[in-house]
Protein backbone atom coordinates (compact mmCIF):
# COMPACT_ATOMS: atom_id res chain seq x y z
CA MET A 1 86.76 125.54 63.91
CA THR A 2 84.09 123.15 62.32
CA GLN A 3 84.39 119.75 63.84
CA GLU A 4 84.86 116.88 61.30
CA PRO A 5 81.84 114.44 61.66
CA GLU A 6 82.50 110.95 63.02
CA ALA A 7 83.13 108.16 60.58
CA ALA A 8 80.23 105.68 60.02
CA ARG A 9 80.65 102.36 61.77
CA LEU A 10 79.66 98.78 60.89
CA TYR A 11 76.65 97.12 62.17
CA ILE A 12 76.61 93.48 61.02
CA VAL A 13 73.41 91.40 60.82
CA THR A 14 73.48 87.44 60.82
CA PRO A 15 72.19 85.55 57.86
CA ALA A 16 68.73 84.06 58.25
CA ALA A 17 70.15 80.65 57.78
CA PHE A 18 72.58 81.02 60.81
CA ASP A 19 74.26 77.80 61.90
CA PRO A 20 76.02 78.47 65.16
CA ASP A 21 78.30 75.56 65.03
CA THR A 22 79.69 76.86 61.62
CA HIS A 23 79.27 80.63 61.92
CA VAL A 24 80.66 81.40 65.29
CA ALA A 25 84.17 80.77 64.22
CA GLU A 26 83.59 83.32 61.52
CA LEU A 27 82.12 86.01 63.72
CA GLN A 28 85.01 85.56 66.03
CA ALA A 29 87.30 86.46 63.14
CA MET A 30 85.12 89.60 61.98
CA LEU A 31 85.27 90.72 65.62
CA SER A 32 88.97 90.32 65.79
CA THR A 33 89.25 93.14 63.17
CA GLY A 34 87.97 95.65 65.87
CA ALA A 35 85.70 97.18 62.95
CA VAL A 36 82.33 95.70 64.29
CA ALA A 37 80.18 98.31 66.27
CA CYS A 38 77.28 96.05 66.83
CA LEU A 39 75.65 92.56 65.88
CA ARG A 40 72.11 91.65 65.32
CA LEU A 41 70.75 88.10 65.40
CA ASP A 42 67.99 87.91 62.87
CA LEU A 43 66.76 84.53 61.92
CA GLY A 44 63.68 85.79 59.90
CA GLU A 45 60.35 84.52 60.63
CA GLY A 46 60.63 80.79 60.25
CA PRO A 47 62.62 79.42 63.18
CA ASP A 48 61.10 78.74 66.55
CA GLU A 49 62.15 80.43 69.71
CA ALA A 50 64.57 77.57 70.64
CA ALA A 51 66.70 78.25 67.69
CA TRP A 52 66.78 81.92 68.65
CA ILE A 53 67.98 80.96 72.18
CA ARG A 54 70.51 78.49 70.73
CA ALA A 55 71.91 80.96 68.44
CA ALA A 56 71.91 83.87 70.93
CA ASN A 57 73.73 81.70 73.41
CA HIS A 58 76.57 81.00 71.10
CA LEU A 59 76.97 84.58 69.97
CA LEU A 60 77.05 86.09 73.47
CA PRO A 61 80.35 85.05 74.62
CA PRO A 62 82.39 86.28 71.62
CA CYS A 63 80.51 89.52 71.30
CA HIS A 64 80.96 90.32 75.02
CA GLU A 65 84.54 89.27 74.85
CA ALA A 66 85.06 91.75 72.13
CA ASP A 67 82.92 94.51 73.89
CA VAL A 68 80.38 94.47 71.10
CA PRO A 69 76.72 94.74 71.81
CA LEU A 70 74.45 91.95 70.81
CA VAL A 71 70.84 92.95 69.76
CA ILE A 72 68.11 90.39 68.80
CA ALA A 73 65.42 91.14 66.13
CA GLU A 74 61.87 91.27 67.25
CA HIS A 75 62.06 88.96 70.30
CA HIS A 76 62.26 91.54 73.01
CA ARG A 77 61.12 88.98 75.61
CA LEU A 78 64.34 87.24 75.33
CA VAL A 79 66.55 90.32 76.00
CA GLY A 80 66.43 90.11 79.77
CA ALA A 81 66.30 86.32 80.01
CA LEU A 82 69.39 85.87 77.82
CA GLY A 83 71.31 88.85 78.94
CA LEU A 84 71.33 90.55 75.53
CA ASP A 85 72.18 94.14 75.03
CA GLY A 86 68.84 95.10 73.21
CA VAL A 87 66.24 94.59 70.45
CA HIS A 88 65.81 95.76 66.92
CA ILE A 89 62.03 96.11 66.01
CA GLY A 90 61.00 95.77 62.43
CA ARG A 91 58.50 93.24 61.40
CA SER A 92 56.68 93.32 64.75
CA ARG A 93 56.40 97.13 65.17
CA ALA A 94 56.19 96.86 69.04
CA PRO A 95 55.68 100.11 70.70
CA ILE A 96 58.93 101.66 71.55
CA ARG A 97 57.89 103.58 74.61
CA ASP A 98 56.45 100.26 76.16
CA LEU A 99 59.60 98.37 75.30
CA ARG A 100 61.60 101.25 77.17
CA LYS A 101 59.42 100.72 80.40
CA THR A 102 60.07 96.99 80.12
CA LEU A 103 63.75 96.72 79.18
CA GLY A 104 65.01 99.69 80.97
CA ARG A 105 66.88 102.85 80.10
CA ASP A 106 70.28 100.70 79.27
CA ALA A 107 68.82 98.42 76.92
CA ILE A 108 69.50 99.28 73.15
CA ILE A 109 66.25 99.67 71.37
CA GLY A 110 66.58 100.18 67.56
CA ALA A 111 63.73 100.29 64.93
CA PHE A 112 63.38 99.97 61.19
CA GLY A 113 61.88 103.07 59.58
CA GLY A 114 61.89 101.69 56.01
CA ALA A 115 62.03 104.51 53.36
CA GLU A 116 59.15 106.64 54.97
CA ARG A 117 60.25 109.87 56.66
CA HIS A 118 57.33 110.20 58.78
CA ARG A 119 57.38 106.82 60.30
CA ALA A 120 61.14 107.09 60.77
CA MET A 121 60.69 110.28 62.61
CA SER A 122 57.81 108.87 64.87
CA LEU A 123 60.20 106.12 66.04
CA ALA A 124 63.00 108.61 66.94
CA GLU A 125 60.48 110.77 68.73
CA ALA A 126 59.16 107.76 70.56
CA GLY A 127 62.70 107.17 72.02
CA ALA A 128 64.55 104.55 69.80
CA ASP A 129 68.30 104.70 70.11
CA TYR A 130 68.55 104.45 66.50
CA VAL A 131 66.69 104.38 63.44
CA SER A 132 67.41 102.17 60.37
CA LEU A 133 66.39 103.27 56.88
CA GLY A 134 66.29 101.20 53.87
CA PRO A 135 66.57 99.10 51.80
CA VAL A 136 69.30 101.10 50.03
CA ARG A 137 68.91 98.76 47.10
CA VAL A 138 65.63 96.96 46.37
CA GLN A 139 66.01 93.17 46.14
CA GLY A 140 63.69 90.61 44.76
CA ALA A 141 59.91 91.08 44.91
CA LEU A 142 59.08 91.44 48.51
CA GLY A 143 58.33 94.67 50.11
CA ASP A 144 56.56 97.89 48.53
CA GLY A 145 59.51 98.59 46.28
CA ALA A 146 60.30 101.91 48.05
CA ALA A 147 64.18 102.62 48.65
CA ALA A 148 65.86 104.96 51.01
CA ASP A 149 67.75 107.31 48.73
CA ASP A 150 70.67 109.45 49.52
CA ALA A 151 68.48 112.49 49.91
CA LEU A 152 66.79 110.92 52.80
CA PHE A 153 69.91 109.99 54.71
CA GLN A 154 71.45 113.52 53.84
CA TRP A 155 68.31 115.23 55.35
CA TRP A 156 68.15 112.92 58.51
CA SER A 157 72.00 113.72 59.32
CA GLU A 158 71.20 117.37 59.15
CA MET A 159 67.88 117.33 61.02
CA ILE A 160 67.65 114.56 63.31
CA GLU A 161 69.94 113.73 66.36
CA THR A 162 69.00 110.12 66.61
CA PRO A 163 71.58 108.00 65.02
CA VAL A 164 70.71 106.65 61.57
CA VAL A 165 71.55 103.17 60.15
CA ALA A 166 71.62 102.40 56.39
CA GLU A 167 70.62 98.80 55.61
CA GLY A 168 69.20 96.63 52.82
CA GLY A 169 71.45 95.40 50.14
CA VAL A 170 74.27 97.73 50.99
CA THR A 171 77.30 97.14 48.87
CA LEU A 172 80.95 98.61 49.25
CA ASP A 173 80.18 101.47 46.58
CA ASP A 174 77.03 102.24 48.72
CA ALA A 175 79.02 102.25 51.94
CA ARG A 176 81.56 104.61 50.37
CA ARG A 177 78.84 107.08 49.35
CA LEU A 178 76.88 106.81 52.64
CA ALA A 179 79.83 107.11 54.99
CA ALA A 180 79.42 110.69 55.56
CA ILE A 181 75.71 110.85 55.96
CA THR A 182 75.04 107.83 58.23
CA ASP A 183 76.17 106.70 61.74
CA PHE A 184 76.08 102.95 60.76
CA VAL A 185 75.94 100.81 57.78
CA VAL A 186 74.82 97.34 57.59
CA PRO A 187 76.46 95.33 54.74
CA ASP A 188 74.46 92.89 52.68
CA PRO A 189 74.97 89.79 54.72
CA THR A 190 75.90 87.93 51.42
CA LEU A 191 78.58 90.27 51.02
CA VAL A 192 80.06 89.21 54.33
CA TRP A 193 78.92 85.88 55.70
CA GLY A 194 78.92 84.51 52.15
CA GLN A 195 82.49 85.33 51.13
CA PRO A 196 85.46 83.02 51.38
CA ASP A 197 86.96 85.26 54.10
CA PRO A 198 84.37 87.00 56.14
CA ALA A 199 86.97 88.85 58.20
CA ALA A 200 88.63 90.30 55.03
CA ALA A 201 85.02 91.40 53.86
CA VAL A 202 84.33 93.31 57.13
CA SER A 203 87.74 95.06 56.82
CA ALA A 204 87.00 95.96 53.24
CA PHE A 205 83.79 97.55 54.36
CA ALA A 206 85.38 99.23 57.21
CA GLU A 207 88.00 100.68 54.78
CA ALA A 208 85.20 101.99 52.51
CA LEU A 209 83.65 103.97 55.51
CA ARG A 210 87.04 105.95 56.02
């Protein structure tokens, strides 16, 4: 008997303009849906380390209470110091093998492979716990204009064991389409945090993945 593939799960990323005092209540409501598999703190390149520490300290209690891992973008040196669950490497391109030695076998180490098959495979071979591909939809003028198309996700799901994450402008329609060929989906943050009811938005994305 052929085993049905597991449904993709939601991976939520914070907005870069993350205000812990106003957003933590929204996060708690999202986590109460039971649909969030992982949360990534990503404040972009502007804020100083103190802002990252403050945000992480606000996010940790609700995440751990809900048994949802919290990973931080780029700042791998804060993982152990703050008791975070892991790190997501994208802009910094820190070596995965070196991070594994430093953070240990239990830490989550994820990496962004863009839309480039060779680079993404190299990250998987280096020991990343997951590789994210994207953007699914090109937005604005930043980046090289390349997008991760459905064929790339289909190929990855058939050929590579390392879990794959779809991110970058992901809409509800994208989530429905990619549900069967990804392990995790990152909704566009504006379609979650920017909504009147973020928890309802999370539930809508979870329904789209079924």
